[in-house]
Structures are given as C-alpha cells and as structure tokens.
Amino acid sequence: AYYQQGQGLIDDELYDSLRQKLRLWQSCAGSGDGD
C-alpha cells in the first residue's frame, strides 16, 4: 500500500515497532534475516 499505491495505512513508528517485533520472533524461532 505504501510503496506501490502511496498510501500510509499505519504510522511509521508503529510500523517500525511491529517490524522489530517480527525480527524478535524470527530470532526466537531461529529463522529469518535480521537485516
């Protein structure tokens, strides 16, 4: 929505916080790329 349609559906701070949460969960699961 943001990059292809130019629509910001969530505040940047909240988006960053949730993406950081995903990285934590990926680390907990032993999967994913932190970067």
Full PDB file with SEQRES, HELIX, SHEET, SSBOND, CRYST1, ORIGX, SCALE, CONECT and MASTER records, all heavy atoms in Angstrom:
SEQRES   1 A   35  ALA TYR TYR GLN GLN GLY GLN GLY LEU ILE ASP ASP GLU          
SEQRES   2 A   35  LEU TYR ASP SER LEU ARG GLN LYS LEU ARG LEU TRP GLN          
SEQRES   3 A   35  SER CYS ALA GLY SER GLY ASP GLY ASP                          
HELIX    1 AA1 TYR A    2  GLN A    5  1                                   4    
HELIX    2 AA2 ASP A   12  ALA A   29  1                                  18    
CRYST1    1.000    1.000    1.000  90.00  90.00  90.00 P 1           1          
ORIGX1      1.000000  0.000000  0.000000        0.00000                         
ORIGX2      0.000000  1.000000  0.000000        0.00000                         
ORIGX3      0.000000  0.000000  1.000000        0.00000                         
SCALE1      1.000000  0.000000  0.000000        0.00000                         
SCALE2      0.000000  1.000000  0.000000        0.00000                         
SCALE3      0.000000  0.000000  1.000000        0.00000                         
ATOM      1  N   ALA A   1       0.824  -1.203   0.000  1.00  0.00           N  
ATOM      2  CA  ALA A   1       0.000   0.000   0.000  1.00  0.00           C  
ATOM      3  C   ALA A   1       0.862   1.259   0.000  1.00  0.00           C  
ATOM      4  O   ALA A   1       0.554   2.241  -0.688  1.00  0.00           O  
ATOM      5  CB  ALA A   1      -0.923  -0.001   1.219  1.00  0.00           C  
ATOM      6  N   TYR A   2       1.969   1.219   0.731  1.00  0.00           N  
ATOM      7  CA  TYR A   2       2.809   2.408   0.855  1.00  0.00           C  
ATOM      8  C   TYR A   2       3.667   2.633  -0.391  1.00  0.00           C  
ATOM      9  O   TYR A   2       3.663   3.720  -0.978  1.00  0.00           O  
ATOM     10  CB  TYR A   2       3.706   2.291   2.090  1.00  0.00           C  
ATOM     11  CG  TYR A   2       4.627   3.467   2.252  1.00  0.00           C  
ATOM     12  CD1 TYR A   2       4.161   4.665   2.780  1.00  0.00           C  
ATOM     13  CD2 TYR A   2       5.947   3.404   1.843  1.00  0.00           C  
ATOM     14  CE1 TYR A   2       4.995   5.761   2.909  1.00  0.00           C  
ATOM     15  CE2 TYR A   2       6.789   4.496   1.965  1.00  0.00           C  
ATOM     16  CZ  TYR A   2       6.312   5.669   2.499  1.00  0.00           C  
ATOM     17  OH  TYR A   2       7.129   6.747   2.610  1.00  0.00           O  
ATOM     18  N   TYR A   3       4.387   1.592  -0.793  1.00  0.00           N  
ATOM     19  CA  TYR A   3       5.371   1.768  -1.867  1.00  0.00           C  
ATOM     20  C   TYR A   3       4.756   1.708  -3.262  1.00  0.00           C  
ATOM     21  O   TYR A   3       5.286   2.294  -4.201  1.00  0.00           O  
ATOM     22  CB  TYR A   3       6.475   0.707  -1.748  1.00  0.00           C  
ATOM     23  CG  TYR A   3       7.378   0.942  -0.561  1.00  0.00           C  
ATOM     24  CD1 TYR A   3       7.258   0.168   0.586  1.00  0.00           C  
ATOM     25  CD2 TYR A   3       8.333   1.948  -0.576  1.00  0.00           C  
ATOM     26  CE1 TYR A   3       8.090   0.376   1.682  1.00  0.00           C  
ATOM     27  CE2 TYR A   3       9.165   2.160   0.513  1.00  0.00           C  
ATOM     28  CZ  TYR A   3       9.032   1.382   1.641  1.00  0.00           C  
ATOM     29  OH  TYR A   3       9.839   1.599   2.720  1.00  0.00           O  
ATOM     30  N   GLN A   4       3.660   0.997  -3.419  1.00  0.00           N  
ATOM     31  CA  GLN A   4       3.084   0.854  -4.746  1.00  0.00           C  
ATOM     32  C   GLN A   4       1.862   1.737  -4.965  1.00  0.00           C  
ATOM     33  O   GLN A   4       1.533   2.068  -6.096  1.00  0.00           O  
ATOM     34  CB  GLN A   4       2.720  -0.613  -5.004  1.00  0.00           C  
ATOM     35  CG  GLN A   4       3.928  -1.537  -4.975  1.00  0.00           C  
ATOM     36  CD  GLN A   4       3.585  -2.971  -5.342  1.00  0.00           C  
ATOM     37  OE1 GLN A   4       2.547  -3.229  -5.947  1.00  0.00           O  
ATOM     38  NE2 GLN A   4       4.446  -3.903  -4.975  1.00  0.00           N  
ATOM     39  N   GLN A   5       1.170   2.105  -3.870  1.00  0.00           N  
ATOM     40  CA  GLN A   5      -0.045   2.902  -4.010  1.00  0.00           C  
ATOM     41  C   GLN A   5       0.049   4.262  -3.334  1.00  0.00           C  
ATOM     42  O   GLN A   5      -0.868   5.063  -3.419  1.00  0.00           O  
ATOM     43  CB  GLN A   5      -1.241   2.116  -3.430  1.00  0.00           C  
ATOM     44  CG  GLN A   5      -1.445   0.767  -4.110  1.00  0.00           C  
ATOM     45  CD  GLN A   5      -2.329  -0.168  -3.294  1.00  0.00           C  
ATOM     46  OE1 GLN A   5      -2.961   0.247  -2.324  1.00  0.00           O  
ATOM     47  NE2 GLN A   5      -2.369  -1.429  -3.680  1.00  0.00           N  
ATOM     48  N   GLY A   6       1.175   4.504  -2.625  1.00  0.00           N  
ATOM     49  CA  GLY A   6       1.360   5.797  -1.971  1.00  0.00           C  
ATOM     50  C   GLY A   6       0.444   6.030  -0.797  1.00  0.00           C  
ATOM     51  O   GLY A   6       0.173   7.168  -0.423  1.00  0.00           O  
ATOM     52  N   GLN A   7      -0.039   4.949  -0.164  1.00  0.00           N  
ATOM     53  CA  GLN A   7      -0.969   5.065   0.961  1.00  0.00           C  
ATOM     54  C   GLN A   7      -0.276   4.631   2.250  1.00  0.00           C  
ATOM     55  O   GLN A   7       0.184   3.497   2.358  1.00  0.00           O  
ATOM     56  CB  GLN A   7      -2.209   4.198   0.727  1.00  0.00           C  
ATOM     57  CG  GLN A   7      -3.012   4.577  -0.497  1.00  0.00           C  
ATOM     58  CD  GLN A   7      -4.175   3.633  -0.727  1.00  0.00           C  
ATOM     59  OE1 GLN A   7      -4.437   2.749   0.075  1.00  0.00           O  
ATOM     60  NE2 GLN A   7      -4.878   3.821  -1.826  1.00  0.00           N  
ATOM     61  N   GLY A   8      -0.206   5.545   3.211  1.00  0.00           N  
ATOM     62  CA  GLY A   8       0.341   5.204   4.513  1.00  0.00           C  
ATOM     63  C   GLY A   8      -0.766   4.747   5.433  1.00  0.00           C  
ATOM     64  O   GLY A   8      -1.490   5.563   5.996  1.00  0.00           O  
ATOM     65  N   LEU A   9      -0.927   3.430   5.606  1.00  0.00           N  
ATOM     66  CA  LEU A   9      -2.038   2.885   6.382  1.00  0.00           C  
ATOM     67  C   LEU A   9      -1.699   2.741   7.859  1.00  0.00           C  
ATOM     68  O   LEU A   9      -2.585   2.414   8.652  1.00  0.00           O  
ATOM     69  CB  LEU A   9      -2.452   1.523   5.805  1.00  0.00           C  
ATOM     70  CG  LEU A   9      -2.862   1.519   4.328  1.00  0.00           C  
ATOM     71  CD1 LEU A   9      -3.283   0.123   3.895  1.00  0.00           C  
ATOM     72  CD2 LEU A   9      -3.988   2.519   4.072  1.00  0.00           C  
ATOM     73  N   ILE A  10      -0.448   2.974   8.220  1.00  0.00           N  
ATOM     74  CA  ILE A  10      -0.032   2.855   9.612  1.00  0.00           C  
ATOM     75  C   ILE A  10       1.081   3.857   9.854  1.00  0.00           C  
ATOM     76  O   ILE A  10       1.898   4.119   8.961  1.00  0.00           O  
ATOM     77  CB  ILE A  10       0.434   1.415   9.937  1.00  0.00           C  
ATOM     78  CG1 ILE A  10       0.823   1.282  11.417  1.00  0.00           C  
ATOM     79  CG2 ILE A  10       1.579   0.988   9.023  1.00  0.00           C  
ATOM     80  CD1 ILE A  10       1.122  -0.149  11.835  1.00  0.00           C  
ATOM     81  N   ASP A  11       1.114   4.453  11.037  1.00  0.00           N  
ATOM     82  CA  ASP A  11       2.170   5.412  11.371  1.00  0.00           C  
ATOM     83  C   ASP A  11       3.542   4.745  11.305  1.00  0.00           C  
ATOM     84  O   ASP A  11       3.702   3.562  11.648  1.00  0.00           O  
ATOM     85  CB  ASP A  11       1.948   5.984  12.774  1.00  0.00           C  
ATOM     86  CG  ASP A  11       0.746   6.907  12.842  1.00  0.00           C  
ATOM     87  OD1 ASP A  11       0.262   7.317  11.771  1.00  0.00           O  
ATOM     88  OD2 ASP A  11       0.280   7.200  13.959  1.00  0.00           O  
ATOM     89  N   ASP A  12       4.535   5.528  10.889  1.00  0.00           N  
ATOM     90  CA  ASP A  12       5.883   4.988  10.716  1.00  0.00           C  
ATOM     91  C   ASP A  12       6.415   4.352  11.995  1.00  0.00           C  
ATOM     92  O   ASP A  12       7.043   3.289  11.965  1.00  0.00           O  
ATOM     93  CB  ASP A  12       6.838   6.096  10.257  1.00  0.00           C  
ATOM     94  CG  ASP A  12       6.493   6.605   8.869  1.00  0.00           C  
ATOM     95  OD1 ASP A  12       5.810   5.878   8.123  1.00  0.00           O  
ATOM     96  OD2 ASP A  12       6.886   7.745   8.540  1.00  0.00           O  
ATOM     97  N   GLU A  13       6.204   5.013  13.135  1.00  0.00           N  
ATOM     98  CA  GLU A  13       6.721   4.490  14.397  1.00  0.00           C  
ATOM     99  C   GLU A  13       6.113   3.134  14.728  1.00  0.00           C  
ATOM    100  O   GLU A  13       6.798   2.228  15.213  1.00  0.00           O  
ATOM    101  CB  GLU A  13       6.437   5.478  15.532  1.00  0.00           C  
ATOM    102  CG  GLU A  13       7.230   6.758  15.458  1.00  0.00           C  
ATOM    103  CD  GLU A  13       6.784   7.772  16.486  1.00  0.00           C  
ATOM    104  OE1 GLU A  13       5.581   7.809  16.818  1.00  0.00           O  
ATOM    105  OE2 GLU A  13       7.648   8.524  16.967  1.00  0.00           O  
ATOM    106  N   LEU A  14       4.806   2.994  14.473  1.00  0.00           N  
ATOM    107  CA  LEU A  14       4.147   1.728  14.765  1.00  0.00           C  
ATOM    108  C   LEU A  14       4.612   0.647  13.800  1.00  0.00           C  
ATOM    109  O   LEU A  14       4.822  -0.507  14.196  1.00  0.00           O  
ATOM    110  CB  LEU A  14       2.630   1.900  14.691  1.00  0.00           C  
ATOM    111  CG  LEU A  14       2.041   2.983  15.607  1.00  0.00           C  
ATOM    112  CD1 LEU A  14       0.525   3.028  15.474  1.00  0.00           C  
ATOM    113  CD2 LEU A  14       2.441   2.731  17.062  1.00  0.00           C  
ATOM    114  N   TYR A  15       4.778   1.028  12.539  1.00  0.00           N  
ATOM    115  CA  TYR A  15       5.287   0.065  11.553  1.00  0.00           C  
ATOM    116  C   TYR A  15       6.680  -0.426  11.963  1.00  0.00           C  
ATOM    117  O   TYR A  15       6.959  -1.636  11.963  1.00  0.00           O  
ATOM    118  CB  TYR A  15       5.342   0.718  10.168  1.00  0.00           C  
ATOM    119  CG  TYR A  15       5.990  -0.143   9.115  1.00  0.00           C  
ATOM    120  CD1 TYR A  15       5.239  -1.024   8.339  1.00  0.00           C  
ATOM    121  CD2 TYR A  15       7.370  -0.077   8.905  1.00  0.00           C  
ATOM    122  CE1 TYR A  15       5.851  -1.828   7.386  1.00  0.00           C  
ATOM    123  CE2 TYR A  15       7.983  -0.876   7.949  1.00  0.00           C  
ATOM    124  CZ  TYR A  15       7.222  -1.746   7.191  1.00  0.00           C  
ATOM    125  OH  TYR A  15       7.834  -2.536   6.253  1.00  0.00           O  
ATOM    126  N   ASP A  16       7.563   0.519  12.309  1.00  0.00           N  
ATOM    127  CA  ASP A  16       8.925   0.141  12.700  1.00  0.00           C  
ATOM    128  C   ASP A  16       8.911  -0.777  13.915  1.00  0.00           C  
ATOM    129  O   ASP A  16       9.683  -1.738  14.001  1.00  0.00           O  
ATOM    130  CB  ASP A  16       9.755   1.387  12.999  1.00  0.00           C  
ATOM    131  CG  ASP A  16      10.062   2.205  11.750  1.00  0.00           C  
ATOM    132  OD1 ASP A  16       9.919   1.664  10.636  1.00  0.00           O  
ATOM    133  OD2 ASP A  16      10.423   3.383  11.892  1.00  0.00           O  
ATOM    134  N   SER A  17       8.021  -0.477  14.872  1.00  0.00           N  
ATOM    135  CA  SER A  17       7.948  -1.273  16.089  1.00  0.00           C  
ATOM    136  C   SER A  17       7.475  -2.694  15.790  1.00  0.00           C  
ATOM    137  O   SER A  17       8.007  -3.670  16.340  1.00  0.00           O  
ATOM    138  CB  SER A  17       7.008  -0.591  17.086  1.00  0.00           C  
ATOM    139  OG  SER A  17       7.026  -1.258  18.327  1.00  0.00           O  
ATOM    140  N   LEU A  18       6.487  -2.819  14.905  1.00  0.00           N  
ATOM    141  CA  LEU A  18       5.999  -4.154  14.558  1.00  0.00           C  
ATOM    142  C   LEU A  18       7.017  -4.929  13.727  1.00  0.00           C  
ATOM    143  O   LEU A  18       7.147  -6.146  13.869  1.00  0.00           O  
ATOM    144  CB  LEU A  18       4.673  -4.043  13.803  1.00  0.00           C  
ATOM    145  CG  LEU A  18       3.460  -3.678  14.668  1.00  0.00           C  
ATOM    146  CD1 LEU A  18       2.245  -3.406  13.796  1.00  0.00           C  
ATOM    147  CD2 LEU A  18       3.154  -4.783  15.672  1.00  0.00           C  
ATOM    148  N   ARG A  19       7.752  -4.239  12.855  1.00  0.00           N  
ATOM    149  CA  ARG A  19       8.791  -4.944  12.093  1.00  0.00           C  
ATOM    150  C   ARG A  19       9.898  -5.415  13.030  1.00  0.00           C  
ATOM    151  O   ARG A  19      10.458  -6.506  12.849  1.00  0.00           O  
ATOM    152  CB  ARG A  19       9.355  -4.045  10.991  1.00  0.00           C  
ATOM    153  CG  ARG A  19      10.352  -4.768  10.100  1.00  0.00           C  
ATOM    154  CD  ARG A  19      10.522  -4.125   8.756  1.00  0.00           C  
ATOM    155  NE  ARG A  19       9.411  -4.371   7.856  1.00  0.00           N  
ATOM    156  CZ  ARG A  19       9.215  -5.503   7.195  1.00  0.00           C  
ATOM    157  NH1 ARG A  19      10.043  -6.529   7.366  1.00  0.00           N  
ATOM    158  NH2 ARG A  19       8.197  -5.638   6.383  1.00  0.00           N  
ATOM    159  N   GLN A  20      10.215  -4.603  14.043  1.00  0.00           N  
ATOM    160  CA  GLN A  20      11.193  -5.036  15.044  1.00  0.00           C  
ATOM    161  C   GLN A  20      10.662  -6.246  15.815  1.00  0.00           C  
ATOM    162  O   GLN A  20      11.408  -7.170  16.146  1.00  0.00           O  
ATOM    163  CB  GLN A  20      11.496  -3.879  16.002  1.00  0.00           C  
ATOM    164  CG  GLN A  20      12.542  -4.220  17.043  1.00  0.00           C  
ATOM    165  CD  GLN A  20      12.847  -3.030  17.946  1.00  0.00           C  
ATOM    166  OE1 GLN A  20      12.326  -1.936  17.754  1.00  0.00           O  
ATOM    167  NE2 GLN A  20      13.684  -3.240  18.924  1.00  0.00           N  
ATOM    168  N   LYS A  21       9.347  -6.239  16.098  1.00  0.00           N  
ATOM    169  CA  LYS A  21       8.730  -7.383  16.768  1.00  0.00           C  
ATOM    170  C   LYS A  21       8.871  -8.649  15.929  1.00  0.00           C  
ATOM    171  O   LYS A  21       9.168  -9.729  16.442  1.00  0.00           O  
ATOM    172  CB  LYS A  21       7.254  -7.083  17.017  1.00  0.00           C  
ATOM    173  CG  LYS A  21       6.518  -8.164  17.789  1.00  0.00           C  
ATOM    174  CD  LYS A  21       6.847  -8.153  19.263  1.00  0.00           C  
ATOM    175  CE  LYS A  21       6.399  -6.852  19.901  1.00  0.00           C  
ATOM    176  NZ  LYS A  21       6.616  -6.865  21.369  1.00  0.00           N  
ATOM    177  N   LEU A  22       8.660  -8.517  14.612  1.00  0.00           N  
ATOM    178  CA  LEU A  22       8.810  -9.674  13.728  1.00  0.00           C  
ATOM    179  C   LEU A  22      10.236 -10.206  13.776  1.00  0.00           C  
ATOM    180  O   LEU A  22      10.451 -11.429  13.812  1.00  0.00           O  
ATOM    181  CB  LEU A  22       8.423  -9.291  12.297  1.00  0.00           C  
ATOM    182  CG  LEU A  22       8.618 -10.384  11.245  1.00  0.00           C  
ATOM    183  CD1 LEU A  22       7.752 -11.592  11.546  1.00  0.00           C  
ATOM    184  CD2 LEU A  22       8.305  -9.843   9.848  1.00  0.00           C  
ATOM    185  N   ARG A  23      11.218  -9.296  13.768  1.00  0.00           N  
ATOM    186  CA  ARG A  23      12.614  -9.743  13.838  1.00  0.00           C  
ATOM    187  C   ARG A  23      12.874 -10.509  15.135  1.00  0.00           C  
ATOM    188  O   ARG A  23      13.611 -11.509  15.144  1.00  0.00           O  
ATOM    189  CB  ARG A  23      13.563  -8.542  13.712  1.00  0.00           C  
ATOM    190  CG  ARG A  23      13.657  -7.992  12.291  1.00  0.00           C  
ATOM    191  CD  ARG A  23      14.857  -7.068  12.141  1.00  0.00           C  
ATOM    192  NE  ARG A  23      14.672  -5.826  12.878  1.00  0.00           N  
ATOM    193  CZ  ARG A  23      14.156  -4.719  12.364  1.00  0.00           C  
ATOM    194  NH1 ARG A  23      13.764  -4.704  11.097  1.00  0.00           N  
ATOM    195  NH2 ARG A  23      14.039  -3.628  13.086  1.00  0.00           N  
ATOM    196  N   LEU A  24      12.290 -10.035  16.248  1.00  0.00           N  
ATOM    197  CA  LEU A  24      12.448 -10.740  17.521  1.00  0.00           C  
ATOM    198  C   LEU A  24      11.867 -12.143  17.420  1.00  0.00           C  
ATOM    199  O   LEU A  24      12.509 -13.119  17.833  1.00  0.00           O  
ATOM    200  CB  LEU A  24      11.758  -9.953  18.641  1.00  0.00           C  
ATOM    201  CG  LEU A  24      11.629 -10.695  19.975  1.00  0.00           C  
ATOM    202  CD1 LEU A  24      12.998 -10.916  20.602  1.00  0.00           C  
ATOM    203  CD2 LEU A  24      10.717  -9.944  20.937  1.00  0.00           C  
ATOM    204  N   TRP A  25      10.655 -12.258  16.891  1.00  0.00           N  
ATOM    205  CA  TRP A  25      10.013 -13.567  16.773  1.00  0.00           C  
ATOM    206  C   TRP A  25      10.814 -14.488  15.860  1.00  0.00           C  
ATOM    207  O   TRP A  25      10.935 -15.686  16.128  1.00  0.00           O  
ATOM    208  CB  TRP A  25       8.590 -13.404  16.253  1.00  0.00           C  
ATOM    209  CG  TRP A  25       7.659 -12.766  17.243  1.00  0.00           C  
ATOM    210  CD1 TRP A  25       7.929 -12.451  18.530  1.00  0.00           C  
ATOM    211  CD2 TRP A  25       6.313 -12.357  17.001  1.00  0.00           C  
ATOM    212  NE1 TRP A  25       6.840 -11.856  19.124  1.00  0.00           N  
ATOM    213  CE2 TRP A  25       5.829 -11.799  18.213  1.00  0.00           C  
ATOM    214  CE3 TRP A  25       5.469 -12.407  15.900  1.00  0.00           C  
ATOM    215  CZ2 TRP A  25       4.539 -11.301  18.329  1.00  0.00           C  
ATOM    216  CZ3 TRP A  25       4.179 -11.914  16.020  1.00  0.00           C  
ATOM    217  CH2 TRP A  25       3.711 -11.365  17.220  1.00  0.00           C  
ATOM    218  N   GLN A  26      11.348 -13.930  14.770  1.00  0.00           N  
ATOM    219  CA  GLN A  26      12.162 -14.746  13.871  1.00  0.00           C  
ATOM    220  C   GLN A  26      13.404 -15.255  14.589  1.00  0.00           C  
ATOM    221  O   GLN A  26      13.824 -16.401  14.407  1.00  0.00           O  
ATOM    222  CB  GLN A  26      12.553 -13.935  12.634  1.00  0.00           C  
ATOM    223  CG  GLN A  26      11.387 -13.669  11.685  1.00  0.00           C  
ATOM    224  CD  GLN A  26      11.749 -12.714  10.565  1.00  0.00           C  
ATOM    225  OE1 GLN A  26      12.637 -11.880  10.717  1.00  0.00           O  
ATOM    226  NE2 GLN A  26      11.053 -12.812   9.443  1.00  0.00           N  
ATOM    227  N   SER A  27      13.993 -14.396  15.422  1.00  0.00           N  
ATOM    228  CA  SER A  27      15.149 -14.822  16.207  1.00  0.00           C  
ATOM    229  C   SER A  27      14.749 -15.905  17.203  1.00  0.00           C  
ATOM    230  O   SER A  27      15.482 -16.887  17.394  1.00  0.00           O  
ATOM    231  CB  SER A  27      15.753 -13.620  16.942  1.00  0.00           C  
ATOM    232  OG  SER A  27      16.790 -14.015  17.803  1.00  0.00           O  
ATOM    233  N   CYS A  28      13.579 -15.751  17.818  1.00  0.00           N  
ATOM    234  CA  CYS A  28      13.088 -16.754  18.772  1.00  0.00           C  
ATOM    235  C   CYS A  28      12.869 -18.095  18.075  1.00  0.00           C  
ATOM    236  O   CYS A  28      13.093 -19.156  18.661  1.00  0.00           O  
ATOM    237  CB  CYS A  28      11.778 -16.290  19.406  1.00  0.00           C  
ATOM    238  SG  CYS A  28      11.917 -14.797  20.423  1.00  0.00           S  
ATOM    239  N   ALA A  29      12.422 -18.047  16.813  1.00  0.00           N  
ATOM    240  CA  ALA A  29      12.148 -19.263  16.058  1.00  0.00           C  
ATOM    241  C   ALA A  29      13.390 -19.803  15.366  1.00  0.00           C  
ATOM    242  O   ALA A  29      13.341 -20.875  14.753  1.00  0.00           O  
ATOM    243  CB  ALA A  29      11.054 -19.005  15.026  1.00  0.00           C  
ATOM    244  N   GLY A  30      14.499 -19.040  15.422  1.00  0.00           N  
ATOM    245  CA  GLY A  30      15.717 -19.462  14.752  1.00  0.00           C  
ATOM    246  C   GLY A  30      15.628 -19.377  13.251  1.00  0.00           C  
ATOM    247  O   GLY A  30      16.250 -20.152  12.525  1.00  0.00           O  
ATOM    248  N   SER A  31      14.844 -18.398  12.757  1.00  0.00           N  
ATOM    249  CA  SER A  31      14.684 -18.256  11.313  1.00  0.00           C  
ATOM    250  C   SER A  31      14.721 -16.785  10.952  1.00  0.00           C  
ATOM    251  O   SER A  31      14.691 -15.908  11.808  1.00  0.00           O  
ATOM    252  CB  SER A  31      13.354 -18.856  10.855  1.00  0.00           C  
ATOM    253  OG  SER A  31      12.264 -18.149  11.426  1.00  0.00           O  
ATOM    254  N   GLY A  32      14.753 -16.491   9.646  1.00  0.00           N  
ATOM    255  CA  GLY A  32      14.660 -15.111   9.182  1.00  0.00           C  
ATOM    256  C   GLY A  32      16.000 -14.420   9.158  1.00  0.00           C  
ATOM    257  O   GLY A  32      16.995 -14.862   9.738  1.00  0.00           O  
ATOM    258  N   ASP A  33      16.016 -13.282   8.480  1.00  0.00           N  
ATOM    259  CA  ASP A  33      17.214 -12.446   8.338  1.00  0.00           C  
ATOM    260  C   ASP A  33      16.968 -11.151   9.083  1.00  0.00           C  
ATOM    261  O   ASP A  33      16.079 -10.383   8.732  1.00  0.00           O  
ATOM    262  CB  ASP A  33      17.474 -12.171   6.847  1.00  0.00           C  
ATOM    263  CG  ASP A  33      18.718 -11.313   6.621  1.00  0.00           C  
ATOM    264  OD1 ASP A  33      19.356 -10.930   7.618  1.00  0.00           O  
ATOM    265  OD2 ASP A  33      19.032 -11.033   5.459  1.00  0.00           O  
ATOM    266  N   GLY A  34      17.729 -10.900  10.125  1.00  0.00           N  
ATOM    267  CA  GLY A  34      17.508  -9.705  10.930  1.00  0.00           C  
ATOM    268  C   GLY A  34      17.658  -8.419  10.157  1.00  0.00           C  
ATOM    269  O   GLY A  34      17.111  -7.395  10.532  1.00  0.00           O  
ATOM    270  N   ASP A  35      18.429  -8.444   9.038  1.00  0.00           N  
ATOM    271  CA  ASP A  35      18.634  -7.238   8.250  1.00  0.00           C  
ATOM    272  C   ASP A  35      17.759  -7.216   7.001  1.00  0.00           C  
ATOM    273  O   ASP A  35      17.981  -6.417   6.096  1.00  0.00           O  
ATOM    274  CB  ASP A  35      20.108  -7.113   7.827  1.00  0.00           C  
ATOM    275  CG  ASP A  35      21.013  -6.846   9.023  1.00  0.00           C  
ATOM    276  OD1 ASP A  35      20.533  -6.230   9.982  1.00  0.00           O  
ATOM    277  OD2 ASP A  35      22.171  -7.266   8.983  1.00  0.00           O  
TER     278      ASP A  35                                                      
MASTER        0    0    0    2    0    0    0    6  277    1    0    3          
END                                                                             
